[in-house]
Structures are given as structure tokens and as C-alpha cells.
Amino acid sequence: SWVVVHEAPWEWASVRGIFVLLSIVCGVLGLQLLMRTYKRYLAKSTRKLRGLDALTRLRNEAVGPMYLLLALNIFAHSWHYADNIYRPVPYHEPHWLYEGRLLAPMEITFATQWLLIYNAHAGFAALALSSRLQSFRKANRLIAAGYGGVSLIAAAHYLVDPVSAYSVDVNASIMGESILAGLLIVTAATSGGGPASARL
């Protein structure tokens, strides 16, 4: 078989435990950064959007669902990868992703999700320094769409085996991240370009 169907007890190394822990910690830090970024956006929008027409206000309030979906995506992504690294067999992990070459089994999967979340965190941190609401909004939409696009890679599990081959909890993990990623992309693409009339 080209996927992992059995894992010996000694394959579970302490390094993999660190992979799982860091995946969870990174997700928590991502949610904290996102909350700070959103609070900063709310403070700016409340201050700068006073006196604008109702349609402009509505377009800016539409950013809320995008932030919520981004938070749900970070949670689903962290859950999926932590569980996948912890239990590669139920996820039918291909051997080329499973085999440890430097540190421990599942290091490739860990590195992939680490780079994705790290880049998103860097984007949030950069946004925290933004002084213009318009650029703030556009950058957030770009980060959200990009994060959602890369998160869709979770659906690649179904290129290995059909839905029926996975357990309910594994399908929930895979579908949860994939569906939320798709919704995030659509929301980021349709959330509006911001109030040009406000000259922000």
C-alpha cells in the first residue's frame, strides 16, 4: 500500500508530540493576532466612517463575516493538522508525507502547515501596523483569500481515497476545513472594496 495502514508504537516519537503541540499553539496565537487586528479595524472604522451613507456602512460591516470565517478557518486548520499528525493512519497518509527524513514521521506535513500559518501570522502582524483603513481592508481580504486557497489542500485527502473510506470524525476534520476555506474565499472576494468616498 502507498498509504500508511499501520504505525508501530516506536514511530510515535517525542518530536511528533512537539509537532502536535506547536500546531495547537500556533493556531491559538493566530486567533489572538486576528482578534487584535479585528479590534483595531473596528476602532478605525468607528472613528473614520461616521457620517457616511448607510450603503457604505453596510459594505464595511460586511467585513465582520470574513473575520469570523477566518477565525473558524484557523481553528479548523489547526485541529485538522494536529489530528492528522497525531493519527496519520485514519487519514490514510501517503508514505512520502509520513516518512521522517530529518526529525520524525509527519515532519513534512507539519512543515507545510507551519509555513502556511506562519505566513498568515506575519500578515496579521503587518496589518496591526497599518494606519490606513482602506489598505487595511484590502490586505485583510487578500490574506483571507490566500489562506482559504491554501487551506483547500485538505480536500486532497479525497484524491487518495473516497469519502466512504474515512471515519466520521476524519471526514468532519477534512470537510470542515475544506468547506470553511471555500466560504472564506467567496466572502473575501465579495466583501466589497471599501468606501472610496471616505478617502481613507
Protein backbone atom coordinates (compact mmCIF):
# COMPACT_ATOMS: atom_id res chain seq x y z
CA SER A 1 0.00 0.00 0.00
CA TRP A 2 1.22 3.52 -0.75
CA VAL A 3 -0.57 4.90 2.30
CA VAL A 4 0.16 4.30 5.98
CA VAL A 5 -2.05 1.43 7.20
CA HIS A 6 -0.22 0.62 10.43
CA GLU A 7 2.03 2.51 12.78
CA ALA A 8 4.34 0.78 15.23
CA PRO A 9 4.41 2.18 18.78
CA TRP A 10 8.01 3.34 18.44
CA GLU A 11 7.10 5.53 15.46
CA TRP A 12 5.43 7.90 17.92
CA ALA A 13 8.44 9.97 18.95
CA SER A 14 8.54 12.86 21.41
CA VAL A 15 9.37 15.11 18.46
CA ARG A 16 5.97 14.36 16.94
CA GLY A 17 4.38 15.34 20.22
CA ILE A 18 6.10 18.69 19.82
CA PHE A 19 4.71 18.93 16.27
CA VAL A 20 1.18 18.45 17.61
CA LEU A 21 1.69 20.91 20.46
CA LEU A 22 3.18 23.58 18.19
CA SER A 23 0.30 23.15 15.73
CA ILE A 24 -2.18 23.89 18.52
CA VAL A 25 -0.15 26.76 19.98
CA CYS A 26 0.32 28.32 16.56
CA GLY A 27 -3.43 28.18 15.96
CA VAL A 28 -4.15 29.85 19.31
CA LEU A 29 -1.62 32.59 18.58
CA GLY A 30 -3.18 33.08 15.16
CA LEU A 31 -6.62 33.58 16.71
CA GLN A 32 -5.20 36.08 19.20
CA LEU A 33 -3.50 38.07 16.45
CA LEU A 34 -6.66 38.00 14.39
CA MET A 35 -8.70 39.33 17.32
CA ARG A 36 -6.24 42.18 17.82
CA THR A 37 -6.35 43.00 14.13
CA TYR A 38 -10.16 42.98 14.11
CA LYS A 39 -10.37 45.21 17.19
CA ARG A 40 -8.01 47.66 15.51
CA TYR A 41 -10.17 47.61 12.39
CA LEU A 42 -13.33 48.23 14.44
CA ALA A 43 -11.69 51.16 16.20
CA LYS A 44 -10.66 52.68 12.89
CA SER A 45 -13.96 52.10 11.14
CA THR A 46 -15.97 53.52 14.06
CA ARG A 47 -13.81 56.63 14.07
CA LYS A 48 -13.49 57.18 10.33
CA LEU A 49 -16.86 56.06 8.98
CA ARG A 50 -19.06 58.43 10.96
CA GLY A 51 -21.37 60.43 8.75
CA LEU A 52 -21.12 58.09 5.75
CA ASP A 53 -24.22 56.85 3.99
CA ALA A 54 -25.99 53.63 5.03
CA LEU A 55 -24.75 51.64 1.99
CA THR A 56 -21.12 52.46 2.71
CA ARG A 57 -21.57 51.47 6.35
CA LEU A 58 -23.18 48.19 5.28
CA ARG A 59 -20.28 47.38 2.96
CA ASN A 60 -17.84 47.90 5.81
CA GLU A 61 -19.89 45.90 8.27
CA ALA A 62 -19.75 43.01 5.77
CA VAL A 63 -16.11 42.59 6.80
CA GLY A 64 -17.35 41.01 10.05
CA PRO A 65 -18.37 37.65 8.48
CA MET A 66 -14.97 37.47 6.75
CA TYR A 67 -13.18 37.82 10.08
CA LEU A 68 -15.46 35.22 11.65
CA LEU A 69 -14.82 32.77 8.80
CA LEU A 70 -11.09 33.42 9.03
CA ALA A 71 -11.18 32.64 12.76
CA LEU A 72 -13.14 29.43 12.08
CA ASN A 73 -10.64 28.52 9.36
CA ILE A 74 -7.69 28.95 11.70
CA PHE A 75 -9.42 26.75 14.26
CA ALA A 76 -10.37 24.07 11.70
CA HIS A 77 -6.93 24.17 10.12
CA SER A 78 -5.12 23.77 13.44
CA TRP A 79 -7.47 20.97 14.52
CA HIS A 80 -7.10 19.13 11.22
CA TYR A 81 -3.31 19.26 11.12
CA ALA A 82 -2.80 18.47 14.80
CA ASP A 83 -5.12 15.46 14.50
CA ASN A 84 -3.57 14.39 11.19
CA ILE A 85 -0.07 14.50 12.67
CA TYR A 86 -1.23 12.65 15.79
CA ARG A 87 -3.22 9.98 13.87
CA PRO A 88 -1.82 9.57 10.34
CA VAL A 89 -3.30 6.08 9.83
CA PRO A 90 -7.02 7.10 9.90
CA TYR A 91 -6.16 9.91 7.46
CA HIS A 92 -4.59 7.41 5.02
CA GLU A 93 -1.41 9.46 4.93
CA PRO A 94 0.77 8.74 1.86
CA HIS A 95 4.16 7.27 2.77
CA TRP A 96 6.06 10.12 1.10
CA LEU A 97 4.39 12.57 3.51
CA TYR A 98 4.65 10.27 6.51
CA GLU A 99 8.29 9.21 6.42
CA GLY A 100 10.69 11.09 8.66
CA ARG A 101 13.87 12.23 6.96
CA LEU A 102 15.33 14.67 9.48
CA LEU A 103 13.41 14.62 12.77
CA ALA A 104 10.40 12.31 12.92
CA PRO A 105 7.49 10.88 10.89
CA MET A 106 4.96 13.52 9.74
CA GLU A 107 7.60 16.25 9.63
CA ILE A 108 6.67 17.18 6.04
CA THR A 109 3.01 17.61 6.92
CA PHE A 110 3.99 19.67 9.96
CA ALA A 111 6.34 21.88 7.95
CA THR A 112 3.63 22.53 5.35
CA GLN A 113 1.03 23.70 7.85
CA TRP A 114 3.63 25.62 9.87
CA LEU A 115 4.67 27.71 6.87
CA LEU A 116 1.04 28.42 5.98
CA ILE A 117 0.03 29.56 9.46
CA TYR A 118 3.31 31.44 10.00
CA ASN A 119 2.76 33.47 6.82
CA ALA A 120 -0.79 34.28 7.90
CA HIS A 121 0.50 35.40 11.31
CA ALA A 122 3.09 37.62 9.65
CA GLY A 123 0.30 39.18 7.61
CA PHE A 124 -1.78 39.87 10.71
CA ALA A 125 1.22 41.42 12.44
CA ALA A 126 1.85 43.69 9.45
CA LEU A 127 -1.79 44.75 9.46
CA ALA A 128 -1.53 45.74 13.11
CA LEU A 129 0.93 48.43 11.97
CA SER A 130 -1.34 49.71 9.20
CA SER A 131 -2.52 53.31 9.58
CA ARG A 132 -4.92 53.46 6.63
CA LEU A 133 -8.29 51.71 6.83
CA GLN A 134 -8.57 51.23 3.07
CA SER A 135 -5.22 49.44 2.73
CA PHE A 136 -6.05 47.56 5.93
CA ARG A 137 -9.24 46.19 4.39
CA LYS A 138 -7.67 45.24 1.06
CA ALA A 139 -4.72 43.50 2.70
CA ASN A 140 -7.03 41.56 5.01
CA ARG A 141 -9.16 40.37 2.10
CA LEU A 142 -6.03 39.24 0.26
CA ILE A 143 -4.67 37.38 3.31
CA ALA A 144 -8.07 35.76 3.93
CA ALA A 145 -8.46 34.61 0.31
CA GLY A 146 -4.89 33.30 0.19
CA TYR A 147 -5.26 31.47 3.49
CA GLY A 148 -8.51 29.91 2.28
CA GLY A 149 -6.97 28.91 -1.03
CA VAL A 150 -4.06 27.06 0.54
CA SER A 151 -6.35 25.50 3.19
CA LEU A 152 -8.28 23.81 0.39
CA ILE A 153 -5.35 21.40 0.17
CA ALA A 154 -7.08 19.48 2.96
CA ALA A 155 -9.53 18.20 0.34
CA ALA A 156 -6.60 16.40 -1.32
CA HIS A 157 -7.25 13.54 1.12
CA TYR A 158 -10.13 12.60 -1.19
CA LEU A 159 -7.67 12.17 -4.06
CA VAL A 160 -6.15 9.35 -2.03
CA ASP A 161 -9.39 7.58 -1.06
CA PRO A 162 -13.13 8.32 -1.38
CA VAL A 163 -15.20 9.86 1.40
CA SER A 164 -16.61 6.45 2.35
CA ALA A 165 -13.11 5.18 3.22
CA TYR A 166 -12.72 7.62 6.12
CA SER A 167 -14.36 7.60 9.54
CA VAL A 168 -16.96 10.20 10.52
CA ASP A 169 -14.56 12.22 12.68
CA VAL A 170 -11.86 12.27 9.99
CA ASN A 171 -14.40 13.35 7.36
CA ALA A 172 -15.56 16.09 9.72
CA SER A 173 -11.97 17.31 10.01
CA ILE A 174 -11.30 17.22 6.25
CA MET A 175 -14.66 18.59 5.12
CA GLY A 176 -14.78 21.14 7.92
CA GLU A 177 -11.56 22.81 6.83
CA SER A 178 -12.31 22.48 3.11
CA ILE A 179 -15.86 23.89 3.27
CA LEU A 180 -14.84 26.75 5.55
CA ALA A 181 -11.92 27.54 3.23
CA GLY A 182 -14.26 27.75 0.24
CA LEU A 183 -16.68 30.01 2.13
CA LEU A 184 -13.79 32.22 3.22
CA ILE A 185 -12.58 32.68 -0.36
CA VAL A 186 -16.08 33.62 -1.58
CA THR A 187 -16.64 36.01 1.34
CA ALA A 188 -13.25 37.69 0.91
CA ALA A 189 -13.90 38.12 -2.81
CA THR A 190 -17.37 39.62 -2.36
CA SER A 191 -16.98 41.67 0.83
CA GLY A 192 -16.67 44.93 -1.07
CA GLY A 193 -13.80 47.18 -1.87
CA GLY A 194 -14.28 49.73 0.88
CA PRO A 195 -15.63 53.29 0.91
CA ALA A 196 -13.76 55.17 -1.79
CA SER A 197 -15.78 58.28 -0.91
CA ALA A 198 -14.29 58.28 2.57
CA ARG A 199 -10.78 58.89 1.16
CA LEU A 200 -9.21 56.70 3.79
